[in-house]
Amino acid sequence: MPKYHDELDAVLRALADPTRRAVVERLAKSPAVVSELAAPFSMALPSLMQHLRVLEDAGVVTSEKHGRVRTVSLRPGALDVLHVWLGEQRTPAEHQADQLGIHLTRTNPEGH
């Protein structure tokens, strides 16, 4: 079993919740303060903070506190482990189809 599975498991657990996935989608656009992240959800701020803590513990997000304002950011490369694992799950047929597509594009770039 590859050594990155602990990290992968943590990321998958963190992303298993739809609220946390929505937060990650929002943070993919730009960092945000906690109050901005909380706005679309009908939950108490401590509940959202718990979701952020799960994401931070999994290494998906980072946060910085300046005075009373906490800014949350998507950690660069945080989802790379997921991307690698998904790539490993591709079947040989899918890989061959990709290679064929690349070859055809190179040999006939105009698509005729």
PDB file of N, CA and C in Angstrom:
ATOM      1  N   MET A   1       0.849  -1.178   0.000  1.00  0.00           N
ATOM      2  CA  MET A   1       0.000   0.000   0.000  1.00  0.00           C
ATOM      3  C   MET A   1       0.896   1.243   0.000  1.00  0.00           C
ATOM      4  N   PRO A   2       0.670   2.172  -0.930  1.00  0.00           N
ATOM      5  CA  PRO A   2       1.516   3.369  -0.994  1.00  0.00           C
ATOM      6  C   PRO A   2       1.483   4.167   0.306  1.00  0.00           C
ATOM      7  N   LYS A   3       2.605   4.840   0.601  1.00  0.00           N
ATOM      8  CA  LYS A   3       2.738   5.556   1.872  1.00  0.00           C
ATOM      9  C   LYS A   3       1.836   6.775   1.987  1.00  0.00           C
ATOM     10  N   TYR A   4       1.300   7.254   0.868  1.00  0.00           N
ATOM     11  CA  TYR A   4       0.468   8.449   0.924  1.00  0.00           C
ATOM     12  C   TYR A   4      -0.977   8.148   1.312  1.00  0.00           C
ATOM     13  N   HIS A   5      -1.304   6.898   1.585  1.00  0.00           N
ATOM     14  CA  HIS A   5      -2.698   6.558   1.864  1.00  0.00           C
ATOM     15  C   HIS A   5      -3.249   7.246   3.109  1.00  0.00           C
ATOM     16  N   ASP A   6      -2.440   7.494   4.128  1.00  0.00           N
ATOM     17  CA  ASP A   6      -2.942   8.209   5.309  1.00  0.00           C
ATOM     18  C   ASP A   6      -3.391   9.614   4.929  1.00  0.00           C
ATOM     19  N   GLU A   7      -2.579  10.283   4.111  1.00  0.00           N
ATOM     20  CA  GLU A   7      -2.934  11.627   3.653  1.00  0.00           C
ATOM     21  C   GLU A   7      -4.181  11.572   2.774  1.00  0.00           C
ATOM     22  N   LEU A   8      -4.237  10.593   1.882  1.00  0.00           N
ATOM     23  CA  LEU A   8      -5.399  10.422   1.009  1.00  0.00           C
ATOM     24  C   LEU A   8      -6.655  10.174   1.834  1.00  0.00           C
ATOM     25  N   ASP A   9      -6.560   9.291   2.827  1.00  0.00           N
ATOM     26  CA  ASP A   9      -7.716   9.003   3.682  1.00  0.00           C
ATOM     27  C   ASP A   9      -8.211  10.261   4.385  1.00  0.00           C
ATOM     28  N   ALA A  10      -7.293  11.076   4.878  1.00  0.00           N
ATOM     29  CA  ALA A  10      -7.680  12.311   5.573  1.00  0.00           C
ATOM     30  C   ALA A  10      -8.393  13.267   4.624  1.00  0.00           C
ATOM     31  N   VAL A  11      -7.876  13.407   3.401  1.00  0.00           N
ATOM     32  CA  VAL A  11      -8.501  14.304   2.422  1.00  0.00           C
ATOM     33  C   VAL A  11      -9.885  13.782   2.044  1.00  0.00           C
ATOM     34  N   LEU A  12     -10.001  12.485   1.801  1.00  0.00           N
ATOM     35  CA  LEU A  12     -11.307  11.922   1.430  1.00  0.00           C
ATOM     36  C   LEU A  12     -12.325  12.078   2.555  1.00  0.00           C
ATOM     37  N   ARG A  13     -11.895  11.852   3.798  1.00  0.00           N
ATOM     38  CA  ARG A  13     -12.815  12.045   4.934  1.00  0.00           C
ATOM     39  C   ARG A  13     -13.259  13.505   5.011  1.00  0.00           C
ATOM     40  N   ALA A  14     -12.317  14.415   4.821  1.00  0.00           N
ATOM     41  CA  ALA A  14     -12.651  15.842   4.895  1.00  0.00           C
ATOM     42  C   ALA A  14     -13.623  16.239   3.794  1.00  0.00           C
ATOM     43  N   LEU A  15     -13.470  15.665   2.616  1.00  0.00           N
ATOM     44  CA  LEU A  15     -14.324  16.030   1.481  1.00  0.00           C
ATOM     45  C   LEU A  15     -15.615  15.225   1.423  1.00  0.00           C
ATOM     46  N   ALA A  16     -15.820  14.331   2.368  1.00  0.00           N
ATOM     47  CA  ALA A  16     -17.032  13.506   2.369  1.00  0.00           C
ATOM     48  C   ALA A  16     -18.281  14.315   2.701  1.00  0.00           C
ATOM     49  N   ASP A  17     -18.103  15.455   3.320  1.00  0.00           N
ATOM     50  CA  ASP A  17     -19.239  16.279   3.733  1.00  0.00           C
ATOM     51  C   ASP A  17     -19.534  17.352   2.679  1.00  0.00           C
ATOM     52  N   PRO A  18     -20.808  17.515   2.280  1.00  0.00           N
ATOM     53  CA  PRO A  18     -21.133  18.506   1.248  1.00  0.00           C
ATOM     54  C   PRO A  18     -20.820  19.950   1.650  1.00  0.00           C
ATOM     55  N   THR A  19     -20.934  20.275   2.917  1.00  0.00           N
ATOM     56  CA  THR A  19     -20.598  21.631   3.362  1.00  0.00           C
ATOM     57  C   THR A  19     -19.114  21.894   3.152  1.00  0.00           C
ATOM     58  N   ARG A  20     -18.288  20.934   3.521  1.00  0.00           N
ATOM     59  CA  ARG A  20     -16.845  21.112   3.354  1.00  0.00           C
ATOM     60  C   ARG A  20     -16.461  21.171   1.879  1.00  0.00           C
ATOM     61  N   ARG A  21     -17.133  20.377   1.045  1.00  0.00           N
ATOM     62  CA  ARG A  21     -16.852  20.464  -0.397  1.00  0.00           C
ATOM     63  C   ARG A  21     -17.222  21.843  -0.932  1.00  0.00           C
ATOM     64  N   ALA A  22     -18.339  22.389  -0.467  1.00  0.00           N
ATOM     65  CA  ALA A  22     -18.754  23.731  -0.903  1.00  0.00           C
ATOM     66  C   ALA A  22     -17.733  24.776  -0.464  1.00  0.00           C
ATOM     67  N   VAL A  23     -17.197  24.632   0.725  1.00  0.00           N
ATOM     68  CA  VAL A  23     -16.170  25.560   1.213  1.00  0.00           C
ATOM     69  C   VAL A  23     -14.925  25.462   0.326  1.00  0.00           C
ATOM     70  N   VAL A  24     -14.513  24.249  -0.014  1.00  0.00           N
ATOM     71  CA  VAL A  24     -13.337  24.068  -0.873  1.00  0.00           C
ATOM     72  C   VAL A  24     -13.585  24.682  -2.247  1.00  0.00           C
ATOM     73  N   GLU A  25     -14.780  24.475  -2.798  1.00  0.00           N
ATOM     74  CA  GLU A  25     -15.113  25.076  -4.095  1.00  0.00           C
ATOM     75  C   GLU A  25     -15.004  26.599  -4.023  1.00  0.00           C
ATOM     76  N   ARG A  26     -15.499  27.177  -2.949  1.00  0.00           N
ATOM     77  CA  ARG A  26     -15.426  28.634  -2.787  1.00  0.00           C
ATOM     78  C   ARG A  26     -13.977  29.097  -2.663  1.00  0.00           C
ATOM     79  N   LEU A  27     -13.185  28.373  -1.864  1.00  0.00           N
ATOM     80  CA  LEU A  27     -11.794  28.769  -1.644  1.00  0.00           C
ATOM     81  C   LEU A  27     -10.924  28.552  -2.880  1.00  0.00           C
ATOM     82  N   ALA A  28     -11.369  27.723  -3.798  1.00  0.00           N
ATOM     83  CA  ALA A  28     -10.618  27.522  -5.047  1.00  0.00           C
ATOM     84  C   ALA A  28     -10.583  28.816  -5.861  1.00  0.00           C
ATOM     85  N   LYS A  29     -11.555  29.695  -5.629  1.00  0.00           N
ATOM     86  CA  LYS A  29     -11.604  30.984  -6.337  1.00  0.00           C
ATOM     87  C   LYS A  29     -10.647  31.991  -5.716  1.00  0.00           C
ATOM     88  N   SER A  30     -10.640  32.062  -4.382  1.00  0.00           N
ATOM     89  CA  SER A  30      -9.761  32.991  -3.671  1.00  0.00           C
ATOM     90  C   SER A  30      -9.916  32.759  -2.173  1.00  0.00           C
ATOM     91  N   PRO A  31      -8.938  33.203  -1.380  1.00  0.00           N
ATOM     92  CA  PRO A  31      -9.079  33.118   0.073  1.00  0.00           C
ATOM     93  C   PRO A  31     -10.302  33.918   0.529  1.00  0.00           C
ATOM     94  N   ALA A  32     -10.814  33.580   1.706  1.00  0.00           N
ATOM     95  CA  ALA A  32     -11.994  34.275   2.227  1.00  0.00           C
ATOM     96  C   ALA A  32     -11.936  34.317   3.745  1.00  0.00           C
ATOM     97  N   VAL A  33     -12.583  35.333   4.304  1.00  0.00           N
ATOM     98  CA  VAL A  33     -12.707  35.402   5.761  1.00  0.00           C
ATOM     99  C   VAL A  33     -13.840  34.478   6.185  1.00  0.00           C
ATOM    100  N   VAL A  34     -13.799  34.046   7.426  1.00  0.00           N
ATOM    101  CA  VAL A  34     -14.760  33.064   7.920  1.00  0.00           C
ATOM    102  C   VAL A  34     -16.196  33.548   7.766  1.00  0.00           C
ATOM    103  N   SER A  35     -16.453  34.818   8.057  1.00  0.00           N
ATOM    104  CA  SER A  35     -17.831  35.317   7.949  1.00  0.00           C
ATOM    105  C   SER A  35     -18.343  35.222   6.512  1.00  0.00           C
ATOM    106  N   GLU A  36     -17.465  35.436   5.546  1.00  0.00           N
ATOM    107  CA  GLU A  36     -17.851  35.304   4.134  1.00  0.00           C
ATOM    108  C   GLU A  36     -18.145  33.843   3.794  1.00  0.00           C
ATOM    109  N   LEU A  37     -17.336  32.933   4.325  1.00  0.00           N
ATOM    110  CA  LEU A  37     -17.570  31.508   4.078  1.00  0.00           C
ATOM    111  C   LEU A  37     -18.869  31.042   4.720  1.00  0.00           C
ATOM    112  N   ALA A  38     -19.219  31.630   5.863  1.00  0.00           N
ATOM    113  CA  ALA A  38     -20.417  31.216   6.590  1.00  0.00           C
ATOM    114  C   ALA A  38     -21.702  31.702   5.940  1.00  0.00           C
ATOM    115  N   ALA A  39     -21.636  32.786   5.184  1.00  0.00           N
ATOM    116  CA  ALA A  39     -22.838  33.433   4.642  1.00  0.00           C
ATOM    117  C   ALA A  39     -23.796  32.494   3.905  1.00  0.00           C
ATOM    118  N   PRO A  40     -23.339  31.598   3.020  1.00  0.00           N
ATOM    119  CA  PRO A  40     -24.295  30.771   2.274  1.00  0.00           C
ATOM    120  C   PRO A  40     -24.937  29.644   3.088  1.00  0.00           C
ATOM    121  N   PHE A  41     -24.452  29.402   4.294  1.00  0.00           N
ATOM    122  CA  PHE A  41     -24.927  28.262   5.075  1.00  0.00           C
ATOM    123  C   PHE A  41     -25.823  28.715   6.220  1.00  0.00           C
ATOM    124  N   SER A  42     -26.853  27.952   6.460  1.00  0.00           N
ATOM    125  CA  SER A  42     -27.745  28.254   7.587  1.00  0.00           C
ATOM    126  C   SER A  42     -27.309  27.416   8.787  1.00  0.00           C
ATOM    127  N   MET A  43     -26.150  27.776   9.319  1.00  0.00           N
ATOM    128  CA  MET A  43     -25.637  27.079  10.497  1.00  0.00           C
ATOM    129  C   MET A  43     -24.934  28.087  11.392  1.00  0.00           C
ATOM    130  N   ALA A  44     -24.827  27.728  12.639  1.00  0.00           N
ATOM    131  CA  ALA A  44     -24.132  28.592  13.596  1.00  0.00           C
ATOM    132  C   ALA A  44     -22.649  28.657  13.239  1.00  0.00           C
ATOM    133  N   LEU A  45     -22.029  29.785  13.528  1.00  0.00           N
ATOM    134  CA  LEU A  45     -20.617  29.981  13.219  1.00  0.00           C
ATOM    135  C   LEU A  45     -19.727  28.897  13.846  1.00  0.00           C
ATOM    136  N   PRO A  46     -19.984  28.471  15.091  1.00  0.00           N
ATOM    137  CA  PRO A  46     -19.156  27.389  15.650  1.00  0.00           C
ATOM    138  C   PRO A  46     -19.239  26.091  14.836  1.00  0.00           C
ATOM    139  N   SER A  47     -20.385  25.835  14.225  1.00  0.00           N
ATOM    140  CA  SER A  47     -20.515  24.634  13.386  1.00  0.00           C
ATOM    141  C   SER A  47     -19.642  24.751  12.146  1.00  0.00           C
ATOM    142  N   LEU A  48     -19.643  25.922  11.526  1.00  0.00           N
ATOM    143  CA  LEU A  48     -18.783  26.123  10.358  1.00  0.00           C
ATOM    144  C   LEU A  48     -17.315  26.037  10.768  1.00  0.00           C
ATOM    145  N   MET A  49     -16.982  26.580  11.919  1.00  0.00           N
ATOM    146  CA  MET A  49     -15.597  26.519  12.392  1.00  0.00           C
ATOM    147  C   MET A  49     -15.148  25.067  12.559  1.00  0.00           C
ATOM    148  N   GLN A  50     -16.053  24.202  12.989  1.00  0.00           N
ATOM    149  CA  GLN A  50     -15.716  22.780  13.114  1.00  0.00           C
ATOM    150  C   GLN A  50     -15.400  22.188  11.739  1.00  0.00           C
ATOM    151  N   HIS A  51     -16.191  22.549  10.728  1.00  0.00           N
ATOM    152  CA  HIS A  51     -15.914  22.087   9.364  1.00  0.00           C
ATOM    153  C   HIS A  51     -14.539  22.583   8.902  1.00  0.00           C
ATOM    154  N   LEU A  52     -14.231  23.841   9.188  1.00  0.00           N
ATOM    155  CA  LEU A  52     -12.936  24.397   8.802  1.00  0.00           C
ATOM    156  C   LEU A  52     -11.797  23.686   9.526  1.00  0.00           C
ATOM    157  N   ARG A  53     -12.029  23.321  10.779  1.00  0.00           N
ATOM    158  CA  ARG A  53     -11.014  22.603  11.548  1.00  0.00           C
ATOM    159  C   ARG A  53     -10.727  21.237  10.919  1.00  0.00           C
ATOM    160  N   VAL A  54     -11.785  20.544  10.470  1.00  0.00           N
ATOM    161  CA  VAL A  54     -11.600  19.245   9.806  1.00  0.00           C
ATOM    162  C   VAL A  54     -10.772  19.421   8.534  1.00  0.00           C
ATOM    163  N   LEU A  55     -11.105  20.437   7.743  1.00  0.00           N
ATOM    164  CA  LEU A  55     -10.359  20.699   6.508  1.00  0.00           C
ATOM    165  C   LEU A  55      -8.901  21.067   6.807  1.00  0.00           C
ATOM    166  N   GLU A  56      -8.697  21.842   7.859  1.00  0.00           N
ATOM    167  CA  GLU A  56      -7.332  22.246   8.215  1.00  0.00           C
ATOM    168  C   GLU A  56      -6.536  21.055   8.747  1.00  0.00           C
ATOM    169  N   ASP A  57      -7.160  20.233   9.578  1.00  0.00           N
ATOM    170  CA  ASP A  57      -6.480  19.042  10.107  1.00  0.00           C
ATOM    171  C   ASP A  57      -6.086  18.078   8.994  1.00  0.00           C
ATOM    172  N   ALA A  58      -6.878  18.046   7.920  1.00  0.00           N
ATOM    173  CA  ALA A  58      -6.583  17.169   6.780  1.00  0.00           C
ATOM    174  C   ALA A  58      -5.560  17.790   5.837  1.00  0.00           C
ATOM    175  N   GLY A  59      -5.176  19.035   6.087  1.00  0.00           N
ATOM    176  CA  GLY A  59      -4.194  19.700   5.241  1.00  0.00           C
ATOM    177  C   GLY A  59      -4.772  20.283   3.968  1.00  0.00           C
ATOM    178  N   VAL A  60      -6.096  20.408   3.915  1.00  0.00           N
ATOM    179  CA  VAL A  60      -6.751  20.929   2.711  1.00  0.00           C
ATOM    180  C   VAL A  60      -6.735  22.455   2.700  1.00  0.00           C
ATOM    181  N   VAL A  61      -6.910  23.070   3.863  1.00  0.00           N
ATOM    182  CA  VAL A  61      -6.912  24.530   3.955  1.00  0.00           C
ATOM    183  C   VAL A  61      -5.923  24.983   5.023  1.00  0.00           C
ATOM    184  N   THR A  62      -5.581  26.251   4.946  1.00  0.00           N
ATOM    185  CA  THR A  62      -4.797  26.901   5.991  1.00  0.00           C
ATOM    186  C   THR A  62      -5.561  28.150   6.414  1.00  0.00           C
ATOM    187  N   SER A  63      -5.262  28.632   7.605  1.00  0.00           N
ATOM    188  CA  SER A  63      -5.916  29.866   8.042  1.00  0.00           C
ATOM    189  C   SER A  63      -4.919  30.731   8.796  1.00  0.00           C
ATOM    190  N   GLU A  64      -5.173  32.025   8.730  1.00  0.00           N
ATOM    191  CA  GLU A  64      -4.361  33.018   9.438  1.00  0.00           C
ATOM    192  C   GLU A  64      -5.297  33.955  10.164  1.00  0.00           C
ATOM    193  N   LYS A  65      -4.943  34.269  11.395  1.00  0.00           N
ATOM    194  CA  LYS A  65      -5.761  35.196  12.164  1.00  0.00           C
ATOM    195  C   LYS A  65      -5.015  36.512  12.311  1.00  0.00           C
ATOM    196  N   HIS A  66      -5.682  37.588  11.923  1.00  0.00           N
ATOM    197  CA  HIS A  66      -5.157  38.945  12.074  1.00  0.00           C
ATOM    198  C   HIS A  66      -6.178  39.710  12.906  1.00  0.00           C
ATOM    199  N   GLY A  67      -5.846  39.937  14.163  1.00  0.00           N
ATOM    200  CA  GLY A  67      -6.814  40.569  15.061  1.00  0.00           C
ATOM    201  C   GLY A  67      -7.983  39.621  15.278  1.00  0.00           C
ATOM    202  N   ARG A  68      -9.174  40.098  14.945  1.00  0.00           N
ATOM    203  CA  ARG A  68     -10.370  39.267  15.116  1.00  0.00           C
ATOM    204  C   ARG A  68     -10.809  38.606  13.812  1.00  0.00           C
ATOM    205  N   VAL A  69     -10.046  38.793  12.751  1.00  0.00           N
ATOM    206  CA  VAL A  69     -10.434  38.285  11.433  1.00  0.00           C
ATOM    207  C   VAL A  69      -9.567  37.082  11.062  1.00  0.00           C
ATOM    208  N   ARG A  70     -10.226  35.976  10.750  1.00  0.00           N
ATOM    209  CA  ARG A  70      -9.530  34.767  10.307  1.00  0.00           C
ATOM    210  C   ARG A  70      -9.763  34.602   8.811  1.00  0.00           C
ATOM    211  N   THR A  71      -8.659  34.523   8.066  1.00  0.00           N
ATOM    212  CA  THR A  71      -8.721  34.320   6.621  1.00  0.00           C
ATOM    213  C   THR A  71      -8.326  32.884   6.317  1.00  0.00           C
ATOM    214  N   VAL A  72      -9.133  32.235   5.491  1.00  0.00           N
ATOM    215  CA  VAL A  72      -8.921  30.826   5.148  1.00  0.00           C
ATOM    216  C   VAL A  72      -8.541  30.734   3.676  1.00  0.00           C
ATOM    217  N   SER A  73      -7.562  29.873   3.385  1.00  0.00           N
ATOM    218  CA  SER A  73      -7.089  29.672   2.014  1.00  0.00           C
ATOM    219  C   SER A  73      -7.010  28.184   1.712  1.00  0.00           C
ATOM    220  N   LEU A  74      -7.213  27.849   0.459  1.00  0.00           N
ATOM    221  CA  LEU A  74      -6.974  26.486   0.001  1.00  0.00           C
ATOM    222  C   LEU A  74      -5.464  26.296  -0.043  1.00  0.00           C
ATOM    223  N   ARG A  75      -4.973  25.237   0.569  1.00  0.00           N
ATOM    224  CA  ARG A  75      -3.527  25.000   0.593  1.00  0.00           C
ATOM    225  C   ARG A  75      -3.072  24.576  -0.798  1.00  0.00           C
ATOM    226  N   PRO A  76      -2.077  25.244  -1.373  1.00  0.00           N
ATOM    227  CA  PRO A  76      -1.595  24.855  -2.704  1.00  0.00           C
ATOM    228  C   PRO A  76      -1.180  23.383  -2.714  1.00  0.00           C
ATOM    229  N   GLY A  77      -1.648  22.658  -3.692  1.00  0.00           N
ATOM    230  CA  GLY A  77      -1.306  21.244  -3.818  1.00  0.00           C
ATOM    231  C   GLY A  77      -2.070  20.330  -2.885  1.00  0.00           C
ATOM    232  N   ALA A  78      -3.031  20.876  -2.153  1.00  0.00           N
ATOM    233  CA  ALA A  78      -3.743  20.087  -1.147  1.00  0.00           C
ATOM    234  C   ALA A  78      -4.466  18.885  -1.731  1.00  0.00           C
ATOM    235  N   LEU A  79      -4.934  19.006  -2.949  1.00  0.00           N
ATOM    236  CA  LEU A  79      -5.713  17.923  -3.547  1.00  0.00           C
ATOM    237  C   LEU A  79      -4.877  17.077  -4.505  1.00  0.00           C
ATOM    238  N   ASP A  80      -3.570  17.326  -4.554  1.00  0.00           N
ATOM    239  CA  ASP A  80      -2.709  16.551  -5.452  1.00  0.00           C
ATOM    240  C   ASP A  80      -2.750  15.064  -5.139  1.00  0.00           C
ATOM    241  N   VAL A  81      -2.779  14.713  -3.858  1.00  0.00           N
ATOM    242  CA  VAL A  81      -2.801  13.300  -3.481  1.00  0.00           C
ATOM    243  C   VAL A  81      -4.052  12.616  -4.034  1.00  0.00           C
ATOM    244  N   LEU A  82      -5.156  13.332  -4.060  1.00  0.00           N
ATOM    245  CA  LEU A  82      -6.397  12.792  -4.618  1.00  0.00           C
ATOM    246  C   LEU A  82      -6.269  12.619  -6.130  1.00  0.00           C
ATOM    247  N   HIS A  83      -5.681  13.602  -6.779  1.00  0.00           N
ATOM    248  CA  HIS A  83      -5.481  13.540  -8.231  1.00  0.00           C
ATOM    249  C   HIS A  83      -4.586  12.351  -8.604  1.00  0.00           C
ATOM    250  N   VAL A  84      -3.503  12.158  -7.863  1.00  0.00           N
ATOM    251  CA  VAL A  84      -2.590  11.039  -8.123  1.00  0.00           C
ATOM    252  C   VAL A  84      -3.317   9.717  -7.954  1.00  0.00           C
ATOM    253  N   TRP A  85      -4.054   9.580  -6.866  1.00  0.00           N
ATOM    254  CA  TRP A  85      -4.759   8.324  -6.605  1.00  0.00           C
ATOM    255  C   TRP A  85      -5.790   8.037  -7.694  1.00  0.00           C
ATOM    256  N   LEU A  86      -6.552   9.045  -8.087  1.00  0.00           N
ATOM    257  CA  LEU A  86      -7.541   8.846  -9.150  1.00  0.00           C
ATOM    258  C   LEU A  86      -6.861   8.448 -10.455  1.00  0.00           C
ATOM    259  N   GLY A  87      -5.714   9.049 -10.743  1.00  0.00           N
ATOM    260  CA  GLY A  87      -4.972   8.681 -11.944  1.00  0.00           C
ATOM    261  C   GLY A  87      -4.526   7.233 -11.919  1.00  0.00           C
ATOM    262  N   GLU A  88      -4.171   6.746 -10.740  1.00  0.00           N
ATOM    263  CA  GLU A  88      -3.754   5.350 -10.611  1.00  0.00           C
ATOM    264  C   GLU A  88      -4.909   4.375 -10.805  1.00  0.00           C
ATOM    265  N   GLN A  89      -6.131   4.850 -10.647  1.00  0.00           N
ATOM    266  CA  GLN A  89      -7.292   3.969 -10.756  1.00  0.00           C
ATOM    267  C   GLN A  89      -7.776   3.816 -12.193  1.00  0.00           C
ATOM    268  N   ARG A  90      -7.217   4.586 -13.078  1.00  0.00           N
ATOM    269  CA  ARG A  90      -7.624   4.504 -14.483  1.00  0.00           C
ATOM    270  C   ARG A  90      -7.264   3.138 -15.033  1.00  0.00           C
ATOM    271  N   THR A  91      -8.112   2.628 -15.876  1.00  0.00           N
ATOM    272  CA  THR A  91      -7.857   1.324 -16.479  1.00  0.00           C
ATOM    273  C   THR A  91      -6.847   1.467 -17.608  1.00  0.00           C
ATOM    274  N   PRO A  92      -6.163   0.387 -17.934  1.00  0.00           N
ATOM    275  CA  PRO A  92      -5.249   0.443 -19.081  1.00  0.00           C
ATOM    276  C   PRO A  92      -5.961   0.872 -20.365  1.00  0.00           C
ATOM    277  N   ALA A  93      -7.205   0.470 -20.528  1.00  0.00           N
ATOM    278  CA  ALA A  93      -7.948   0.848 -21.737  1.00  0.00           C
ATOM    279  C   ALA A  93      -8.144   2.361 -21.799  1.00  0.00           C
ATOM    280  N   GLU A  94      -8.432   2.990 -20.662  1.00  0.00           N
ATOM    281  CA  GLU A  94      -8.586   4.448 -20.638  1.00  0.00           C
ATOM    282  C   GLU A  94      -7.269   5.127 -20.999  1.00  0.00           C
ATOM    283  N   HIS A  95      -6.188   4.603 -20.467  1.00  0.00           N
ATOM    284  CA  HIS A  95      -4.872   5.171 -20.763  1.00  0.00           C
ATOM    285  C   HIS A  95      -4.550   5.015 -22.249  1.00  0.00           C
ATOM    286  N   GLN A  96      -4.836   3.849 -22.802  1.00  0.00           N
ATOM    287  CA  GLN A  96      -4.575   3.619 -24.230  1.00  0.00           C
ATOM    288  C   GLN A  96      -5.429   4.538 -25.091  1.00  0.00           C
ATOM    289  N   ALA A  97      -6.676   4.749 -24.702  1.00  0.00           N
ATOM    290  CA  ALA A  97      -7.550   5.654 -25.461  1.00  0.00           C
ATOM    291  C   ALA A  97      -6.994   7.077 -25.434  1.00  0.00           C
ATOM    292  N   ASP A  98      -6.483   7.499 -24.285  1.00  0.00           N
ATOM    293  CA  ASP A  98      -5.860   8.825 -24.194  1.00  0.00           C
ATOM    294  C   ASP A  98      -4.657   8.922 -25.124  1.00  0.00           C
ATOM    295  N   GLN A  99      -3.821   7.901 -25.107  1.00  0.00           N
ATOM    296  CA  GLN A  99      -2.628   7.903 -25.956  1.00  0.00           C
ATOM    297  C   GLN A  99      -3.007   7.914 -27.430  1.00  0.00           C
ATOM    298  N   LEU A 100      -4.055   7.166 -27.794  1.00  0.00           N
ATOM    299  CA  LEU A 100      -4.524   7.158 -29.178  1.00  0.00           C
ATOM    300  C   LEU A 100      -5.005   8.552 -29.570  1.00  0.00           C
ATOM    301  N   GLY A 101      -5.760   9.190 -28.691  1.00  0.00           N
ATOM    302  CA  GLY A 101      -6.241  10.545 -28.964  1.00  0.00           C
ATOM    303  C   GLY A 101      -5.100  11.523 -29.171  1.00  0.00           C
ATOM    304  N   ILE A 102      -4.071  11.418 -28.350  1.00  0.00           N
ATOM    305  CA  ILE A 102      -2.897  12.283 -28.490  1.00  0.00           C
ATOM    306  C   ILE A 102      -2.215  12.019 -29.827  1.00  0.00           C
ATOM    307  N   HIS A 103      -2.047  10.742 -30.166  1.00  0.00           N
ATOM    308  CA  HIS A 103      -1.404  10.374 -31.432  1.00  0.00           C
ATOM    309  C   HIS A 103      -2.193  10.912 -32.618  1.00  0.00           C
ATOM    310  N   LEU A 104      -3.511  10.740 -32.589  1.00  0.00           N
ATOM    311  CA  LEU A 104      -4.338  11.198 -33.702  1.00  0.00           C
ATOM    312  C   LEU A 104      -4.293  12.719 -33.841  1.00  0.00           C
ATOM    313  N   THR A 105      -4.256  13.411 -32.730  1.00  0.00           N
ATOM    314  CA  THR A 105      -4.173  14.873 -32.761  1.00  0.00           C
ATOM    315  C   THR A 105      -2.849  15.325 -33.370  1.00  0.00           C
ATOM    316  N   ARG A 106      -1.785  14.625 -33.033  1.00  0.00           N
ATOM    317  CA  ARG A 106      -0.465  14.987 -33.570  1.00  0.00           C
ATOM    318  C   ARG A 106      -0.357  14.686 -35.065  1.00  0.00           C
ATOM    319  N   THR A 107      -0.932  13.560 -35.491  1.00  0.00           N
ATOM    320  CA  THR A 107      -0.803  13.173 -36.899  1.00  0.00           C
ATOM    321  C   THR A 107      -1.804  13.880 -37.787  1.00  0.00           C
ATOM    322  N   ASN A 108      -2.893  14.372 -37.203  1.00  0.00           N
ATOM    323  CA  ASN A 108      -3.923  15.050 -37.987  1.00  0.00           C
ATOM    324  C   ASN A 108      -4.446  16.236 -37.180  1.00  0.00           C
ATOM    325  N   PRO A 109      -3.640  17.273 -36.995  1.00  0.00           N
ATOM    326  CA  PRO A 109      -3.999  18.378 -36.102  1.00  0.00           C
ATOM    327  C   PRO A 109      -5.246  19.146 -36.510  1.00  0.00           C
ATOM    328  N   GLU A 110      -5.645  19.076 -37.772  1.00  0.00           N
ATOM    329  CA  GLU A 110      -6.829  19.821 -38.211  1.00  0.00           C
ATOM    330  C   GLU A 110      -8.110  19.017 -38.036  1.00  0.00           C
ATOM    331  N   GLY A 111      -8.004  17.767 -37.623  1.00  0.00           N
ATOM    332  CA  GLY A 111      -9.189  16.950 -37.369  1.00  0.00           C
ATOM    333  C   GLY A 111      -9.885  16.446 -38.606  1.00  0.00           C
ATOM    334  N   HIS A 112      -9.187  16.380 -39.738  1.00  0.00           N
ATOM    335  CA  HIS A 112      -9.802  15.896 -40.984  1.00  0.00           C
ATOM    336  C   HIS A 112      -9.496  14.442 -41.195  1.00  0.00           C
TER     337      HIS A 112
END
